[in-house]
Amino acid sequence: MINKLCIFGVGLIGGSLALALKKANYCNTIIGCSRDEMHLKRALELGVIDSYTLDQKEAVKDADVVLLAVPIRAIGGILTNIVDVLDDKTILTDAGSAKGSVISAVKDAYNGSLPSNFVAGHPIAGKEKSSVEAAVTDLYVDHKVVLTPTPETNQEALKIVEAMWQIAGATVETLAVKQHDDVLAATSHLPHVLAFTFVNALAKSEYGDAVFDYAAGGFESFSRTASSDSVMWRDICLENKTAILDALEVYQEDLANIKKAIEDENSEKIESLFLDAKTTRDRIIKNS
């Protein structure tokens, strides 16, 4: 059980964790912190947090666990501000989607070293809406949370963070940092980049907004993630740049392949490419 949990960024990710832990009576106190007082007041009204403060140093005082659930590029500034007041026993963890970048930010804040009570993590769950109003108790049920512990990570701290996410309903797994960033670039970051780009491309149509009047279910499902938080995804693109560019290069090669097949009216090639994709998706995503 956690006595005091401090959450920086009480949006969908942090808010949903708070709700799940509250439901399980796993935290005595959950305090929220951000720069937006109206946002924090709303979180308090919704019962997501027990209290809030705009003072970052005050927020982490006597905290057992501190969760950084903010856009990746905001993590460094927060850490620099709180590092001198964090208790040695306070467990520091995060929900960032690019682990290499987060670990670098922690190292910078700690003058080149990693504290033993730091546990890098990433919940692989979410919606296209990111506000606290979107937070739900069961967001993490049957979803994965990936932890990327470093050689410095204290095993007891790792167990506490693992238990916290399990209480929220998640399946917790561990990956190496680079493996996490490469895999997520291909399976999460690339699809978001494609969705944003797809909507922008349609918006340039000579028919203007009228083109969207004829958008069917395929448009809605493919473009859903284009409603995601632009700041968060800007940061992810910049902080996992190399892996995302590699994934984009592979995708562009496959796109060129199908483009040529269509140009050549190669029906067998087109059907084969589509069938391969269908077979793979049906094997991986069952009951859909």
Protein backbone atom coordinates (compact mmCIF):
# COMPACT_ATOMS: atom_id res chain seq x y z
CA MET A 1 0.00 0.00 0.00
CA ILE A 2 1.13 3.54 -0.79
CA ASN A 3 0.70 6.20 1.88
CA LYS A 4 1.20 9.26 -0.33
CA LEU A 5 1.28 9.29 -4.12
CA CYS A 6 2.22 12.48 -5.94
CA ILE A 7 1.17 12.78 -9.59
CA PHE A 8 2.57 15.42 -11.90
CA GLY A 9 0.11 15.76 -14.77
CA VAL A 10 -3.32 14.57 -13.66
CA GLY A 11 -4.71 13.85 -17.11
CA LEU A 12 -5.89 10.62 -18.69
CA ILE A 13 -2.85 8.55 -17.69
CA GLY A 14 -2.20 9.89 -14.19
CA GLY A 15 -5.89 10.40 -13.46
CA SER A 16 -6.88 6.88 -14.48
CA LEU A 17 -4.16 5.41 -12.28
CA ALA A 18 -5.37 7.54 -9.38
CA LEU A 19 -8.97 6.38 -9.85
CA ALA A 20 -7.94 2.73 -10.02
CA LEU A 21 -5.83 2.97 -6.88
CA LYS A 22 -8.61 4.81 -5.06
CA LYS A 23 -11.09 2.11 -5.98
CA ALA A 24 -8.72 -0.50 -4.56
CA ASN A 25 -8.08 1.60 -1.42
CA TYR A 26 -4.38 1.32 -2.22
CA CYS A 27 -3.42 4.93 -1.42
CA ASN A 28 -4.10 6.98 1.68
CA THR A 29 -3.48 10.28 -0.10
CA ILE A 30 -3.08 11.27 -3.75
CA ILE A 31 -1.83 14.78 -4.45
CA GLY A 32 -1.80 16.35 -7.89
CA CYS A 33 0.55 19.00 -9.22
CA SER A 34 0.64 20.99 -12.45
CA ARG A 35 0.84 24.57 -13.69
CA ASP A 36 -2.91 24.78 -14.35
CA GLU A 37 -4.92 25.36 -11.18
CA MET A 38 -8.27 25.11 -12.96
CA HIS A 39 -7.28 21.68 -14.22
CA LEU A 40 -6.31 20.58 -10.72
CA LYS A 41 -9.54 21.95 -9.26
CA ARG A 42 -11.46 19.90 -11.81
CA ALA A 43 -9.49 16.78 -10.84
CA LEU A 44 -10.37 17.44 -7.21
CA GLU A 45 -14.06 17.93 -8.08
CA LEU A 46 -14.10 14.63 -9.94
CA GLY A 47 -12.58 12.83 -6.97
CA VAL A 48 -9.47 11.88 -8.90
CA ILE A 49 -7.12 13.43 -6.34
CA ASP A 50 -7.42 14.26 -2.66
CA SER A 51 -5.56 17.57 -2.80
CA TYR A 52 -3.35 19.64 -5.07
CA THR A 53 -0.64 22.25 -5.12
CA LEU A 54 1.09 24.35 -7.75
CA ASP A 55 4.31 24.19 -5.73
CA GLN A 56 6.38 21.31 -7.09
CA LYS A 57 8.64 21.09 -4.06
CA GLU A 58 5.66 21.04 -1.70
CA ALA A 59 3.95 18.35 -3.79
CA VAL A 60 6.71 15.77 -3.32
CA LYS A 61 7.16 16.39 0.40
CA ASP A 62 6.84 13.07 2.29
CA ALA A 63 5.70 11.28 -0.88
CA ASP A 64 6.27 7.53 -1.09
CA VAL A 65 5.92 7.50 -4.88
CA VAL A 66 6.18 10.32 -7.41
CA LEU A 67 4.73 9.71 -10.88
CA LEU A 68 5.72 11.98 -13.76
CA ALA A 69 2.81 11.75 -16.21
CA VAL A 70 3.58 14.90 -18.19
CA PRO A 71 4.81 15.48 -21.77
CA ILE A 72 8.34 14.11 -22.03
CA ARG A 73 10.02 17.48 -22.55
CA ALA A 74 8.53 18.76 -19.30
CA ILE A 75 10.14 16.01 -17.22
CA GLY A 76 13.61 17.54 -17.09
CA GLY A 77 12.41 20.86 -15.72
CA ILE A 78 10.33 19.23 -13.01
CA LEU A 79 13.19 16.99 -11.93
CA THR A 80 15.64 19.87 -11.78
CA ASN A 81 13.25 21.70 -9.49
CA ILE A 82 12.46 18.84 -7.10
CA VAL A 83 15.68 16.82 -7.01
CA ASP A 84 17.08 18.61 -3.97
CA VAL A 85 13.95 18.03 -1.88
CA LEU A 86 13.17 14.45 -2.86
CA ASP A 87 13.62 12.05 0.03
CA ASP A 88 16.15 9.28 -0.61
CA LYS A 89 13.39 6.74 0.00
CA THR A 90 10.90 8.34 -2.39
CA ILE A 91 10.34 6.19 -5.47
CA LEU A 92 10.44 8.15 -8.71
CA THR A 93 8.73 6.76 -11.79
CA ASP A 94 7.21 8.02 -15.01
CA ALA A 95 4.76 7.25 -17.81
CA GLY A 96 6.77 8.55 -20.76
CA SER A 97 6.62 6.84 -24.13
CA ALA A 98 10.33 7.24 -24.98
CA LYS A 99 12.43 5.70 -22.24
CA GLY A 100 15.88 6.65 -23.50
CA SER A 101 14.94 10.31 -23.38
CA VAL A 102 13.45 10.08 -19.89
CA ILE A 103 16.49 8.28 -18.53
CA SER A 104 18.73 10.98 -20.01
CA ALA A 105 16.62 13.67 -18.31
CA VAL A 106 16.93 11.89 -14.97
CA LYS A 107 20.70 11.59 -15.40
CA ASP A 108 20.97 15.30 -16.17
CA ALA A 109 19.00 16.19 -13.04
CA TYR A 110 21.15 13.90 -10.90
CA ASN A 111 24.48 15.16 -12.30
CA GLY A 112 25.14 12.20 -14.54
CA SER A 113 23.98 9.36 -12.31
CA LEU A 114 20.73 7.46 -11.89
CA PRO A 115 19.15 7.18 -8.44
CA SER A 116 18.43 3.66 -7.26
CA ASN A 117 14.80 4.52 -6.52
CA PHE A 118 14.07 5.56 -10.11
CA VAL A 119 11.92 3.10 -12.11
CA ALA A 120 11.28 4.03 -15.73
CA GLY A 121 7.86 2.95 -16.96
CA HIS A 122 5.35 3.25 -19.75
CA PRO A 123 1.66 2.25 -19.57
CA ILE A 124 0.56 1.05 -23.01
CA ALA A 125 -3.01 2.20 -22.73
CA GLY A 126 -4.86 5.34 -23.58
CA LYS A 127 -7.48 7.17 -25.56
CA GLU A 128 -7.38 9.98 -28.05
CA LYS A 129 -8.63 12.33 -25.30
CA SER A 130 -6.08 13.32 -22.68
CA SER A 131 -7.89 15.50 -20.15
CA VAL A 132 -8.76 14.51 -16.60
CA GLU A 133 -12.40 14.25 -17.68
CA ALA A 134 -11.35 11.27 -19.82
CA ALA A 135 -9.84 9.41 -16.85
CA VAL A 136 -11.51 6.09 -16.06
CA THR A 137 -11.05 3.47 -13.36
CA ASP A 138 -10.48 0.56 -15.73
CA LEU A 139 -8.14 2.11 -18.32
CA TYR A 140 -5.32 -0.30 -17.47
CA VAL A 141 -7.35 -3.48 -17.10
CA ASP A 142 -5.98 -6.08 -19.54
CA HIS A 143 -3.37 -3.62 -20.84
CA LYS A 144 0.39 -3.78 -20.51
CA VAL A 145 2.70 -1.54 -18.55
CA VAL A 146 6.32 -1.83 -19.60
CA LEU A 147 9.04 -1.10 -17.06
CA THR A 148 12.59 -0.52 -18.23
CA PRO A 149 14.75 -0.83 -15.11
CA THR A 150 18.40 0.14 -15.32
CA PRO A 151 21.32 -1.60 -13.60
CA GLU A 152 21.02 1.02 -10.85
CA THR A 153 17.35 0.30 -10.14
CA ASN A 154 16.66 -0.97 -6.63
CA GLN A 155 14.70 -4.24 -6.74
CA GLU A 156 12.40 -3.20 -3.91
CA ALA A 157 11.49 0.01 -5.74
CA LEU A 158 10.85 -2.04 -8.88
CA LYS A 159 8.49 -4.35 -6.96
CA ILE A 160 6.54 -1.41 -5.52
CA VAL A 161 6.02 0.21 -8.93
CA GLU A 162 5.12 -3.15 -10.44
CA ALA A 163 2.55 -3.78 -7.69
CA MET A 164 1.06 -0.28 -8.15
CA TRP A 165 0.30 -0.94 -11.81
CA GLN A 166 -0.93 -4.47 -11.13
CA ILE A 167 -3.41 -3.12 -8.60
CA ALA A 168 -4.68 -0.87 -11.41
CA GLY A 169 -5.33 -4.00 -13.49
CA ALA A 170 -2.30 -3.93 -15.76
CA THR A 171 -0.02 -6.74 -16.85
CA VAL A 172 3.52 -5.60 -16.06
CA GLU A 173 6.46 -6.59 -18.26
CA THR A 174 10.07 -5.46 -18.50
CA LEU A 175 12.09 -4.56 -21.58
CA ALA A 176 15.50 -3.13 -22.30
CA VAL A 177 15.38 0.61 -22.99
CA LYS A 178 16.36 0.45 -26.67
CA GLN A 179 14.05 -2.47 -27.37
CA HIS A 180 11.16 -0.56 -25.82
CA ASP A 181 11.83 2.57 -27.87
CA ASP A 182 12.26 0.65 -31.14
CA VAL A 183 9.14 -1.46 -30.64
CA LEU A 184 6.95 1.44 -29.55
CA ALA A 185 8.18 3.59 -32.43
CA ALA A 186 6.84 0.97 -34.83
CA THR A 187 3.63 -0.03 -33.03
CA SER A 188 2.49 3.24 -31.43
CA HIS A 189 4.46 6.28 -32.52
CA LEU A 190 4.34 5.53 -36.25
CA PRO A 191 0.54 4.97 -36.32
CA HIS A 192 0.02 8.32 -34.58
CA VAL A 193 2.30 10.11 -37.04
CA LEU A 194 0.41 8.50 -39.93
CA ALA A 195 -2.98 9.45 -38.50
CA PHE A 196 -2.00 13.10 -38.04
CA THR A 197 -0.52 13.21 -41.55
CA PHE A 198 -3.52 11.46 -43.09
CA VAL A 199 -6.00 13.99 -41.70
CA ASN A 200 -3.80 16.89 -42.83
CA ALA A 201 -3.58 15.41 -46.33
CA LEU A 202 -7.36 15.09 -46.61
CA ALA A 203 -7.80 18.64 -45.31
CA LYS A 204 -5.87 19.86 -48.37
CA SER A 205 -8.41 18.36 -50.76
CA GLU A 206 -9.71 20.60 -53.54
CA TYR A 207 -13.18 19.84 -52.17
CA GLY A 208 -12.36 21.38 -48.79
CA ASP A 209 -14.24 20.15 -45.74
CA ALA A 210 -16.82 18.57 -48.03
CA VAL A 211 -14.47 15.61 -48.43
CA PHE A 212 -15.15 14.68 -44.81
CA ASP A 213 -18.90 14.52 -45.45
CA TYR A 214 -18.31 11.24 -47.23
CA ALA A 215 -15.88 9.76 -44.74
CA ALA A 216 -16.92 6.24 -43.75
CA GLY A 217 -15.96 3.99 -40.86
CA GLY A 218 -12.46 3.49 -42.22
CA PHE A 219 -11.72 7.18 -41.85
CA GLU A 220 -12.96 7.26 -38.27
CA SER A 221 -10.98 4.21 -37.15
CA PHE A 222 -7.78 5.13 -38.99
CA SER A 223 -7.81 8.79 -37.96
CA ARG A 224 -8.96 8.34 -34.34
CA THR A 225 -5.52 8.94 -32.86
CA ALA A 226 -5.23 12.26 -34.71
CA SER A 227 -7.40 13.63 -31.88
CA SER A 228 -4.57 12.91 -29.43
CA ASP A 229 -2.73 15.61 -27.53
CA SER A 230 -0.48 17.48 -29.98
CA VAL A 231 2.05 18.60 -27.36
CA MET A 232 2.56 15.09 -26.04
CA TRP A 233 3.04 13.65 -29.51
CA ARG A 234 5.32 16.48 -30.59
CA ASP A 235 7.57 15.58 -27.67
CA ILE A 236 7.46 11.87 -28.47
CA CYS A 237 8.50 12.51 -32.07
CA LEU A 238 11.43 14.66 -30.98
CA GLU A 239 12.53 12.45 -28.10
CA ASN A 240 12.32 9.12 -29.96
CA LYS A 241 13.47 10.63 -33.24
CA THR A 242 15.88 7.95 -34.47
CA ALA A 243 13.55 5.00 -33.89
CA ILE A 244 10.57 6.81 -35.43
CA LEU A 245 12.58 7.80 -38.51
CA ASP A 246 13.68 4.18 -38.92
CA ALA A 247 10.06 3.03 -38.70
CA LEU A 248 9.00 5.68 -41.20
CA GLU A 249 11.68 4.55 -43.63
CA VAL A 250 10.44 0.96 -43.53
CA TYR A 251 6.86 2.15 -43.99
CA GLN A 252 7.82 4.34 -46.95
CA GLU A 253 9.47 1.35 -48.61
CA ASP A 254 6.30 -0.72 -48.19
CA LEU A 255 4.19 2.22 -49.42
CA ALA A 256 6.35 2.49 -52.52
CA ASN A 257 5.91 -1.25 -53.04
CA ILE A 258 2.10 -1.10 -53.05
CA LYS A 259 2.17 2.09 -55.13
CA LYS A 260 4.15 0.32 -57.85
CA ALA A 261 1.86 -2.70 -57.74
CA ILE A 262 -1.16 -0.44 -58.31
CA GLU A 263 0.61 1.46 -61.10
CA ASP A 264 1.48 -1.84 -62.79
CA GLU A 265 -2.05 -3.17 -62.21
CA ASN A 266 -0.42 -6.19 -60.63
CA SER A 267 -3.53 -7.72 -59.16
CA GLU A 268 -1.75 -10.77 -57.76
CA LYS A 269 0.79 -8.60 -55.93
CA ILE A 270 -1.89 -6.29 -54.53
CA GLU A 271 -4.02 -9.18 -53.31
CA SER A 272 -0.98 -10.93 -51.84
CA LEU A 273 0.09 -7.84 -49.90
CA PHE A 274 -3.41 -7.30 -48.56
CA LEU A 275 -3.84 -10.98 -47.66
CA ASP A 276 -0.53 -11.06 -45.82
CA ALA A 277 -1.57 -8.01 -43.80
CA LYS A 278 -5.01 -9.45 -43.06
CA THR A 279 -3.55 -12.78 -41.95
CA THR A 280 -1.05 -11.11 -39.66
CA ARG A 281 -3.61 -8.79 -38.08
CA ASP A 282 -6.21 -11.54 -37.61
CA ARG A 283 -3.55 -13.71 -35.93
CA ILE A 284 -2.42 -10.98 -33.55
CA ILE A 285 -5.72 -9.23 -32.82
CA LYS A 286 -8.31 -11.88 -32.09
CA ASN A 287 -12.06 -11.51 -31.56
CA SER A 288 -12.25 -8.23 -33.46
